[in-house]
Amino acid sequence: MKLLYKPLSLIISALGGVLAGAVFKQSWKAISGDDEAPKATATDRKIRDVLLAAALQGAIFGLVKAAVDRGSAQAFEKATGEKLED
């Protein structure tokens, strides 16, 4: 059963990445009023904005990844009765 978890986990993680991207985009827009976050190479933007965008993006992606991983592990355990041990 654990072999089945890996491919499902990859699909769920990809969907989590899409969700995290959408959450980040909306969060950045709410914070800055800009539609797009600055890229690290955008020399026309203030370094403060570039670093804030990077920190926010990292926090959101980390939070969503942990939530998705935890939720999928719990769902797998509930469905199969097997615990995923790392």
PDB file of N, CA and C in Angstrom:
ATOM      1  N   MET A   1       0.807  -1.199   0.000  1.00  0.00           N
ATOM      2  CA  MET A   1       0.000   0.000   0.000  1.00  0.00           C
ATOM      3  C   MET A   1       0.853   1.267   0.000  1.00  0.00           C
ATOM      4  N   LYS A   2       1.998   1.201   0.660  1.00  0.00           N
ATOM      5  CA  LYS A   2       2.846   2.386   0.714  1.00  0.00           C
ATOM      6  C   LYS A   2       3.380   2.765  -0.667  1.00  0.00           C
ATOM      7  N   LEU A   3       3.510   1.790  -1.559  1.00  0.00           N
ATOM      8  CA  LEU A   3       3.937   2.094  -2.931  1.00  0.00           C
ATOM      9  C   LEU A   3       2.893   2.934  -3.653  1.00  0.00           C
ATOM     10  N   LEU A   4       1.637   2.747  -3.320  1.00  0.00           N
ATOM     11  CA  LEU A   4       0.557   3.534  -3.910  1.00  0.00           C
ATOM     12  C   LEU A   4       0.602   4.979  -3.423  1.00  0.00           C
ATOM     13  N   TYR A   5       1.079   5.176  -2.216  1.00  0.00           N
ATOM     14  CA  TYR A   5       1.109   6.522  -1.628  1.00  0.00           C
ATOM     15  C   TYR A   5       2.026   7.472  -2.403  1.00  0.00           C
ATOM     16  N   LYS A   6       3.161   6.997  -2.870  1.00  0.00           N
ATOM     17  CA  LYS A   6       4.136   7.867  -3.540  1.00  0.00           C
ATOM     18  C   LYS A   6       3.559   8.599  -4.751  1.00  0.00           C
ATOM     19  N   PRO A   7       2.967   7.887  -5.724  1.00  0.00           N
ATOM     20  CA  PRO A   7       2.423   8.604  -6.882  1.00  0.00           C
ATOM     21  C   PRO A   7       1.281   9.541  -6.504  1.00  0.00           C
ATOM     22  N   LEU A   8       0.433   9.099  -5.586  1.00  0.00           N
ATOM     23  CA  LEU A   8      -0.650   9.977  -5.140  1.00  0.00           C
ATOM     24  C   LEU A   8      -0.098  11.204  -4.435  1.00  0.00           C
ATOM     25  N   SER A   9       0.935  11.016  -3.661  1.00  0.00           N
ATOM     26  CA  SER A   9       1.568  12.121  -2.951  1.00  0.00           C
ATOM     27  C   SER A   9       2.144  13.157  -3.918  1.00  0.00           C
ATOM     28  N   LEU A  10       2.723  12.681  -5.012  1.00  0.00           N
ATOM     29  CA  LEU A  10       3.267  13.608  -6.015  1.00  0.00           C
ATOM     30  C   LEU A  10       2.164  14.460  -6.640  1.00  0.00           C
ATOM     31  N   ILE A  11       1.053  13.845  -6.951  1.00  0.00           N
ATOM     32  CA  ILE A  11      -0.066  14.581  -7.538  1.00  0.00           C
ATOM     33  C   ILE A  11      -0.632  15.587  -6.539  1.00  0.00           C
ATOM     34  N   ILE A  12      -0.822  15.154  -5.321  1.00  0.00           N
ATOM     35  CA  ILE A  12      -1.355  16.040  -4.281  1.00  0.00           C
ATOM     36  C   ILE A  12      -0.395  17.191  -4.012  1.00  0.00           C
ATOM     37  N   SER A  13       0.907  16.920  -4.006  1.00  0.00           N
ATOM     38  CA  SER A  13       1.903  17.973  -3.799  1.00  0.00           C
ATOM     39  C   SER A  13       1.874  18.994  -4.926  1.00  0.00           C
ATOM     40  N   ALA A  14       1.697  18.542  -6.152  1.00  0.00           N
ATOM     41  CA  ALA A  14       1.610  19.463  -7.287  1.00  0.00           C
ATOM     42  C   ALA A  14       0.392  20.371  -7.149  1.00  0.00           C
ATOM     43  N   LEU A  15      -0.727  19.799  -6.739  1.00  0.00           N
ATOM     44  CA  LEU A  15      -1.927  20.605  -6.520  1.00  0.00           C
ATOM     45  C   LEU A  15      -1.717  21.592  -5.366  1.00  0.00           C
ATOM     46  N   GLY A  16      -0.981  21.162  -4.349  1.00  0.00           N
ATOM     47  CA  GLY A  16      -0.646  22.054  -3.248  1.00  0.00           C
ATOM     48  C   GLY A  16       0.217  23.218  -3.713  1.00  0.00           C
ATOM     49  N   GLY A  17       1.134  22.954  -4.632  1.00  0.00           N
ATOM     50  CA  GLY A  17       1.968  24.017  -5.192  1.00  0.00           C
ATOM     51  C   GLY A  17       1.147  25.039  -5.954  1.00  0.00           C
ATOM     52  N   VAL A  18       0.154  24.565  -6.698  1.00  0.00           N
ATOM     53  CA  VAL A  18      -0.744  25.479  -7.419  1.00  0.00           C
ATOM     54  C   VAL A  18      -1.532  26.326  -6.421  1.00  0.00           C
ATOM     55  N   LEU A  19      -2.031  25.691  -5.379  1.00  0.00           N
ATOM     56  CA  LEU A  19      -2.767  26.409  -4.333  1.00  0.00           C
ATOM     57  C   LEU A  19      -1.883  27.443  -3.658  1.00  0.00           C
ATOM     58  N   ALA A  20      -0.652  27.054  -3.321  1.00  0.00           N
ATOM     59  CA  ALA A  20       0.267  27.979  -2.661  1.00  0.00           C
ATOM     60  C   ALA A  20       0.577  29.173  -3.565  1.00  0.00           C
ATOM     61  N   GLY A  21       0.745  28.934  -4.848  1.00  0.00           N
ATOM     62  CA  GLY A  21       0.998  30.023  -5.784  1.00  0.00           C
ATOM     63  C   GLY A  21      -0.150  31.016  -5.825  1.00  0.00           C
ATOM     64  N   ALA A  22      -1.372  30.494  -5.816  1.00  0.00           N
ATOM     65  CA  ALA A  22      -2.545  31.367  -5.833  1.00  0.00           C
ATOM     66  C   ALA A  22      -2.661  32.161  -4.533  1.00  0.00           C
ATOM     67  N   VAL A  23      -2.411  31.505  -3.411  1.00  0.00           N
ATOM     68  CA  VAL A  23      -2.465  32.191  -2.114  1.00  0.00           C
ATOM     69  C   VAL A  23      -1.401  33.285  -2.051  1.00  0.00           C
ATOM     70  N   PHE A  24      -0.190  32.975  -2.528  1.00  0.00           N
ATOM     71  CA  PHE A  24       0.880  33.969  -2.521  1.00  0.00           C
ATOM     72  C   PHE A  24       0.517  35.169  -3.398  1.00  0.00           C
ATOM     73  N   LYS A  25       0.000  34.899  -4.581  1.00  0.00           N
ATOM     74  CA  LYS A  25      -0.342  35.985  -5.495  1.00  0.00           C
ATOM     75  C   LYS A  25      -1.382  36.916  -4.868  1.00  0.00           C
ATOM     76  N   GLN A  26      -2.407  36.335  -4.266  1.00  0.00           N
ATOM     77  CA  GLN A  26      -3.436  37.154  -3.627  1.00  0.00           C
ATOM     78  C   GLN A  26      -2.887  37.890  -2.404  1.00  0.00           C
ATOM     79  N   SER A  27      -2.025  37.233  -1.647  1.00  0.00           N
ATOM     80  CA  SER A  27      -1.424  37.865  -0.469  1.00  0.00           C
ATOM     81  C   SER A  27      -0.544  39.044  -0.877  1.00  0.00           C
ATOM     82  N   TRP A  28       0.268  38.840  -1.910  1.00  0.00           N
ATOM     83  CA  TRP A  28       1.153  39.915  -2.359  1.00  0.00           C
ATOM     84  C   TRP A  28       0.337  41.103  -2.865  1.00  0.00           C
ATOM     85  N   LYS A  29      -0.722  40.819  -3.585  1.00  0.00           N
ATOM     86  CA  LYS A  29      -1.581  41.881  -4.107  1.00  0.00           C
ATOM     87  C   LYS A  29      -2.219  42.666  -2.961  1.00  0.00           C
ATOM     88  N   ALA A  30      -2.659  41.973  -1.919  1.00  0.00           N
ATOM     89  CA  ALA A  30      -3.267  42.635  -0.763  1.00  0.00           C
ATOM     90  C   ALA A  30      -2.258  43.485   0.006  1.00  0.00           C
ATOM     91  N   ILE A  31      -1.032  43.000   0.115  1.00  0.00           N
ATOM     92  CA  ILE A  31       0.003  43.713   0.871  1.00  0.00           C
ATOM     93  C   ILE A  31       0.541  44.915   0.103  1.00  0.00           C
ATOM     94  N   SER A  32       0.842  44.696  -1.176  1.00  0.00           N
ATOM     95  CA  SER A  32       1.551  45.733  -1.933  1.00  0.00           C
ATOM     96  C   SER A  32       0.677  46.512  -2.913  1.00  0.00           C
ATOM     97  N   GLY A  33      -0.438  45.936  -3.302  1.00  0.00           N
ATOM     98  CA  GLY A  33      -1.266  46.559  -4.324  1.00  0.00           C
ATOM     99  C   GLY A  33      -0.812  46.247  -5.743  1.00  0.00           C
ATOM    100  N   ASP A  34       0.316  45.556  -5.880  1.00  0.00           N
ATOM    101  CA  ASP A  34       0.843  45.170  -7.197  1.00  0.00           C
ATOM    102  C   ASP A  34       0.286  43.806  -7.592  1.00  0.00           C
ATOM    103  N   ASP A  35       0.037  43.635  -8.888  1.00  0.00           N
ATOM    104  CA  ASP A  35      -0.460  42.348  -9.375  1.00  0.00           C
ATOM    105  C   ASP A  35       0.618  41.266  -9.372  1.00  0.00           C
ATOM    106  N   GLU A  36       1.855  41.664  -9.586  1.00  0.00           N
ATOM    107  CA  GLU A  36       2.963  40.707  -9.658  1.00  0.00           C
ATOM    108  C   GLU A  36       4.015  41.027  -8.596  1.00  0.00           C
ATOM    109  N   ALA A  37       4.537  39.981  -7.974  1.00  0.00           N
ATOM    110  CA  ALA A  37       5.632  40.159  -7.023  1.00  0.00           C
ATOM    111  C   ALA A  37       6.920  40.392  -7.800  1.00  0.00           C
ATOM    112  N   PRO A  38       7.840  41.174  -7.229  1.00  0.00           N
ATOM    113  CA  PRO A  38       9.099  41.415  -7.944  1.00  0.00           C
ATOM    114  C   PRO A  38       9.987  40.174  -7.959  1.00  0.00           C
ATOM    115  N   LYS A  39      10.648  39.965  -9.071  1.00  0.00           N
ATOM    116  CA  LYS A  39      11.635  38.886  -9.168  1.00  0.00           C
ATOM    117  C   LYS A  39      12.926  39.360  -8.503  1.00  0.00           C
ATOM    118  N   ALA A  40      13.756  38.434  -8.090  1.00  0.00           N
ATOM    119  CA  ALA A  40      15.010  38.779  -7.423  1.00  0.00           C
ATOM    120  C   ALA A  40      15.930  39.588  -8.327  1.00  0.00           C
ATOM    121  N   THR A  41      15.787  39.430  -9.629  1.00  0.00           N
ATOM    122  CA  THR A  41      16.652  40.128 -10.589  1.00  0.00           C
ATOM    123  C   THR A  41      16.093  41.475 -11.034  1.00  0.00           C
ATOM    124  N   ALA A  42      14.952  41.875 -10.476  1.00  0.00           N
ATOM    125  CA  ALA A  42      14.322  43.141 -10.867  1.00  0.00           C
ATOM    126  C   ALA A  42      15.056  44.299 -10.195  1.00  0.00           C
ATOM    127  N   THR A  43      16.057  44.836 -10.862  1.00  0.00           N
ATOM    128  CA  THR A  43      16.875  45.902 -10.281  1.00  0.00           C
ATOM    129  C   THR A  43      16.139  47.227 -10.186  1.00  0.00           C
ATOM    130  N   ASP A  44      14.997  47.339 -10.833  1.00  0.00           N
ATOM    131  CA  ASP A  44      14.215  48.569 -10.744  1.00  0.00           C
ATOM    132  C   ASP A  44      13.319  48.593  -9.508  1.00  0.00           C
ATOM    133  N   ARG A  45      13.282  47.498  -8.756  1.00  0.00           N
ATOM    134  CA  ARG A  45      12.462  47.410  -7.537  1.00  0.00           C
ATOM    135  C   ARG A  45      13.338  47.529  -6.310  1.00  0.00           C
ATOM    136  N   LYS A  46      12.777  48.027  -5.230  1.00  0.00           N
ATOM    137  CA  LYS A  46      13.518  48.162  -3.969  1.00  0.00           C
ATOM    138  C   LYS A  46      13.861  46.775  -3.424  1.00  0.00           C
ATOM    139  N   ILE A  47      15.046  46.678  -2.848  1.00  0.00           N
ATOM    140  CA  ILE A  47      15.498  45.412  -2.278  1.00  0.00           C
ATOM    141  C   ILE A  47      14.550  44.954  -1.169  1.00  0.00           C
ATOM    142  N   ARG A  48      13.990  45.905  -0.442  1.00  0.00           N
ATOM    143  CA  ARG A  48      13.033  45.584   0.628  1.00  0.00           C
ATOM    144  C   ARG A  48      11.842  44.823   0.056  1.00  0.00           C
ATOM    145  N   ASP A  49      11.323  45.267  -1.081  1.00  0.00           N
ATOM    146  CA  ASP A  49      10.179  44.602  -1.707  1.00  0.00           C
ATOM    147  C   ASP A  49      10.546  43.208  -2.207  1.00  0.00           C
ATOM    148  N   VAL A  50      11.725  43.084  -2.791  1.00  0.00           N
ATOM    149  CA  VAL A  50      12.177  41.790  -3.301  1.00  0.00           C
ATOM    150  C   VAL A  50      12.325  40.786  -2.154  1.00  0.00           C
ATOM    151  N   LEU A  51      12.939  41.216  -1.061  1.00  0.00           N
ATOM    152  CA  LEU A  51      13.154  40.309   0.072  1.00  0.00           C
ATOM    153  C   LEU A  51      11.858  39.988   0.790  1.00  0.00           C
ATOM    154  N   LEU A  52      10.969  40.962   0.910  1.00  0.00           N
ATOM    155  CA  LEU A  52       9.674  40.707   1.531  1.00  0.00           C
ATOM    156  C   LEU A  52       8.874  39.701   0.706  1.00  0.00           C
ATOM    157  N   ALA A  53       8.873  39.871  -0.599  1.00  0.00           N
ATOM    158  CA  ALA A  53       8.160  38.938  -1.479  1.00  0.00           C
ATOM    159  C   ALA A  53       8.736  37.527  -1.345  1.00  0.00           C
ATOM    160  N   ALA A  54      10.049  37.416  -1.303  1.00  0.00           N
ATOM    161  CA  ALA A  54      10.686  36.100  -1.181  1.00  0.00           C
ATOM    162  C   ALA A  54      10.360  35.446   0.161  1.00  0.00           C
ATOM    163  N   ALA A  55      10.387  36.222   1.234  1.00  0.00           N
ATOM    164  CA  ALA A  55      10.083  35.683   2.558  1.00  0.00           C
ATOM    165  C   ALA A  55       8.618  35.239   2.645  1.00  0.00           C
ATOM    166  N   LEU A  56       7.722  36.054   2.113  1.00  0.00           N
ATOM    167  CA  LEU A  56       6.304  35.706   2.127  1.00  0.00           C
ATOM    168  C   LEU A  56       6.040  34.457   1.296  1.00  0.00           C
ATOM    169  N   GLN A  57       6.661  34.399   0.138  1.00  0.00           N
ATOM    170  CA  GLN A  57       6.476  33.235  -0.735  1.00  0.00           C
ATOM    171  C   GLN A  57       6.988  31.961  -0.058  1.00  0.00           C
ATOM    172  N   GLY A  58       8.146  32.035   0.558  1.00  0.00           N
ATOM    173  CA  GLY A  58       8.701  30.877   1.255  1.00  0.00           C
ATOM    174  C   GLY A  58       7.827  30.423   2.416  1.00  0.00           C
ATOM    175  N   ALA A  59       7.308  31.385   3.177  1.00  0.00           N
ATOM    176  CA  ALA A  59       6.449  31.047   4.307  1.00  0.00           C
ATOM    177  C   ALA A  59       5.157  30.381   3.841  1.00  0.00           C
ATOM    178  N   ILE A  60       4.552  30.936   2.805  1.00  0.00           N
ATOM    179  CA  ILE A  60       3.297  30.374   2.302  1.00  0.00           C
ATOM    180  C   ILE A  60       3.518  28.987   1.715  1.00  0.00           C
ATOM    181  N   PHE A  61       4.561  28.824   0.910  1.00  0.00           N
ATOM    182  CA  PHE A  61       4.820  27.514   0.314  1.00  0.00           C
ATOM    183  C   PHE A  61       5.150  26.480   1.388  1.00  0.00           C
ATOM    184  N   GLY A  62       5.918  26.861   2.394  1.00  0.00           N
ATOM    185  CA  GLY A  62       6.239  25.937   3.487  1.00  0.00           C
ATOM    186  C   GLY A  62       5.007  25.533   4.278  1.00  0.00           C
ATOM    187  N   LEU A  63       4.137  26.491   4.557  1.00  0.00           N
ATOM    188  CA  LEU A  63       2.909  26.215   5.300  1.00  0.00           C
ATOM    189  C   LEU A  63       1.986  25.296   4.509  1.00  0.00           C
ATOM    190  N   VAL A  64       1.787  25.602   3.243  1.00  0.00           N
ATOM    191  CA  VAL A  64       0.906  24.769   2.411  1.00  0.00           C
ATOM    192  C   VAL A  64       1.491  23.375   2.246  1.00  0.00           C
ATOM    193  N   LYS A  65       2.794  23.261   2.051  1.00  0.00           N
ATOM    194  CA  LYS A  65       3.422  21.936   1.903  1.00  0.00           C
ATOM    195  C   LYS A  65       3.216  21.096   3.161  1.00  0.00           C
ATOM    196  N   ALA A  66       3.432  21.702   4.322  1.00  0.00           N
ATOM    197  CA  ALA A  66       3.245  20.961   5.572  1.00  0.00           C
ATOM    198  C   ALA A  66       1.790  20.537   5.753  1.00  0.00           C
ATOM    199  N   ALA A  67       0.855  21.424   5.428  1.00  0.00           N
ATOM    200  CA  ALA A  67      -0.567  21.100   5.563  1.00  0.00           C
ATOM    201  C   ALA A  67      -0.975  19.985   4.603  1.00  0.00           C
ATOM    202  N   VAL A  68      -0.506  20.060   3.366  1.00  0.00           N
ATOM    203  CA  VAL A  68      -0.845  19.044   2.365  1.00  0.00           C
ATOM    204  C   VAL A  68      -0.208  17.700   2.727  1.00  0.00           C
ATOM    205  N   ASP A  69       1.048  17.707   3.123  1.00  0.00           N
ATOM    206  CA  ASP A  69       1.727  16.462   3.505  1.00  0.00           C
ATOM    207  C   ASP A  69       1.035  15.810   4.704  1.00  0.00           C
ATOM    208  N   ARG A  70       0.719  16.630   5.688  1.00  0.00           N
ATOM    209  CA  ARG A  70       0.067  16.108   6.892  1.00  0.00           C
ATOM    210  C   ARG A  70      -1.310  15.545   6.565  1.00  0.00           C
ATOM    211  N   GLY A  71      -2.080  16.309   5.790  1.00  0.00           N
ATOM    212  CA  GLY A  71      -3.425  15.870   5.432  1.00  0.00           C
ATOM    213  C   GLY A  71      -3.422  14.595   4.607  1.00  0.00           C
ATOM    214  N   SER A  72      -2.510  14.495   3.659  1.00  0.00           N
ATOM    215  CA  SER A  72      -2.465  13.285   2.831  1.00  0.00           C
ATOM    216  C   SER A  72      -1.996  12.077   3.645  1.00  0.00           C
ATOM    217  N   ALA A  73      -1.085  12.284   4.572  1.00  0.00           N
ATOM    218  CA  ALA A  73      -0.631  11.175   5.422  1.00  0.00           C
ATOM    219  C   ALA A  73      -1.762  10.694   6.327  1.00  0.00           C
ATOM    220  N   GLN A  74      -2.519  11.636   6.866  1.00  0.00           N
ATOM    221  CA  GLN A  74      -3.645  11.252   7.717  1.00  0.00           C
ATOM    222  C   GLN A  74      -4.726  10.534   6.910  1.00  0.00           C
ATOM    223  N   ALA A  75      -4.999  11.013   5.705  1.00  0.00           N
ATOM    224  CA  ALA A  75      -6.006  10.374   4.856  1.00  0.00           C
ATOM    225  C   ALA A  75      -5.562   8.958   4.471  1.00  0.00           C
ATOM    226  N   PHE A  76      -4.274   8.795   4.160  1.00  0.00           N
ATOM    227  CA  PHE A  76      -3.733   7.476   3.820  1.00  0.00           C
ATOM    228  C   PHE A  76      -3.871   6.532   5.011  1.00  0.00           C
ATOM    229  N   GLU A  77      -3.517   7.005   6.191  1.00  0.00           N
ATOM    230  CA  GLU A  77      -3.607   6.165   7.381  1.00  0.00           C
ATOM    231  C   GLU A  77      -5.058   5.773   7.666  1.00  0.00           C
ATOM    232  N   LYS A  78      -5.956   6.722   7.511  1.00  0.00           N
ATOM    233  CA  LYS A  78      -7.371   6.436   7.757  1.00  0.00           C
ATOM    234  C   LYS A  78      -7.914   5.424   6.741  1.00  0.00           C
ATOM    235  N   ALA A  79      -7.500   5.570   5.473  1.00  0.00           N
ATOM    236  CA  ALA A  79      -8.004   4.699   4.417  1.00  0.00           C
ATOM    237  C   ALA A  79      -7.409   3.292   4.472  1.00  0.00           C
ATOM    238  N   THR A  80      -6.139   3.185   4.879  1.00  0.00           N
ATOM    239  CA  THR A  80      -5.459   1.891   4.826  1.00  0.00           C
ATOM    240  C   THR A  80      -5.149   1.285   6.191  1.00  0.00           C
ATOM    241  N   GLY A  81      -5.143   2.105   7.214  1.00  0.00           N
ATOM    242  CA  GLY A  81      -4.747   1.618   8.528  1.00  0.00           C
ATOM    243  C   GLY A  81      -3.251   1.560   8.729  1.00  0.00           C
ATOM    244  N   GLU A  82      -2.474   1.946   7.692  1.00  0.00           N
ATOM    245  CA  GLU A  82      -1.011   1.926   7.771  1.00  0.00           C
ATOM    246  C   GLU A  82      -0.484   3.331   8.044  1.00  0.00           C
ATOM    247  N   LYS A  83       0.491   3.394   8.956  1.00  0.00           N
ATOM    248  CA  LYS A  83       1.164   4.665   9.232  1.00  0.00           C
ATOM    249  C   LYS A  83       2.326   4.838   8.287  1.00  0.00           C
ATOM    250  N   LEU A  84       2.562   6.078   7.886  1.00  0.00           N
ATOM    251  CA  LEU A  84       3.732   6.405   7.060  1.00  0.00           C
ATOM    252  C   LEU A  84       4.848   6.814   7.993  1.00  0.00           C
ATOM    253  N   GLU A  85       5.847   6.020   8.087  1.00  0.00           N
ATOM    254  CA  GLU A  85       7.005   6.322   8.934  1.00  0.00           C
ATOM    255  C   GLU A  85       8.141   6.821   8.057  1.00  0.00           C
ATOM    256  N   ASP A  86       8.746   7.914   8.435  1.00  0.00           N
ATOM    257  CA  ASP A  86       9.910   8.426   7.691  1.00  0.00           C
ATOM    258  C   ASP A  86      11.191   7.937   8.280  1.00  0.00           C
TER     259      ASP A  86
END
